[in-house]
Amino acid sequence: LNRMNDLIENVRITGDVTFEGKNIYKDYDVIELRKKVGMVFQNPNPFPMSIFDNVAYGPRIHGIKNKRQLAEIVERSLIGAA
């Protein structure tokens, strides 16, 4: 749904794919669509960094910089995932 196929040269698209009632190929700017639609991989696909940094990545990009707060979030997340 995030239109990664836009990067494939000579791709042919038929039919309609809608999200929130709008055609993702005709009615959405690809950047705006990608802000709303994420990708979930079948296999884990961590960034090439530590597990801590992978878990802390989301909170960091949302403005959390305090190391203690990040450590608490990471610990809570890892315990919750176990």
Foldseek 3Di string as FASTA:
>chain_A
DLPPVVPPPPDDDDDFDDDPRDGCVPPDDSVVSPVVDDDDDPDDDFDPDDLLCRQLVVVVVVPDDDPVVSVVSSVVVVVVVD
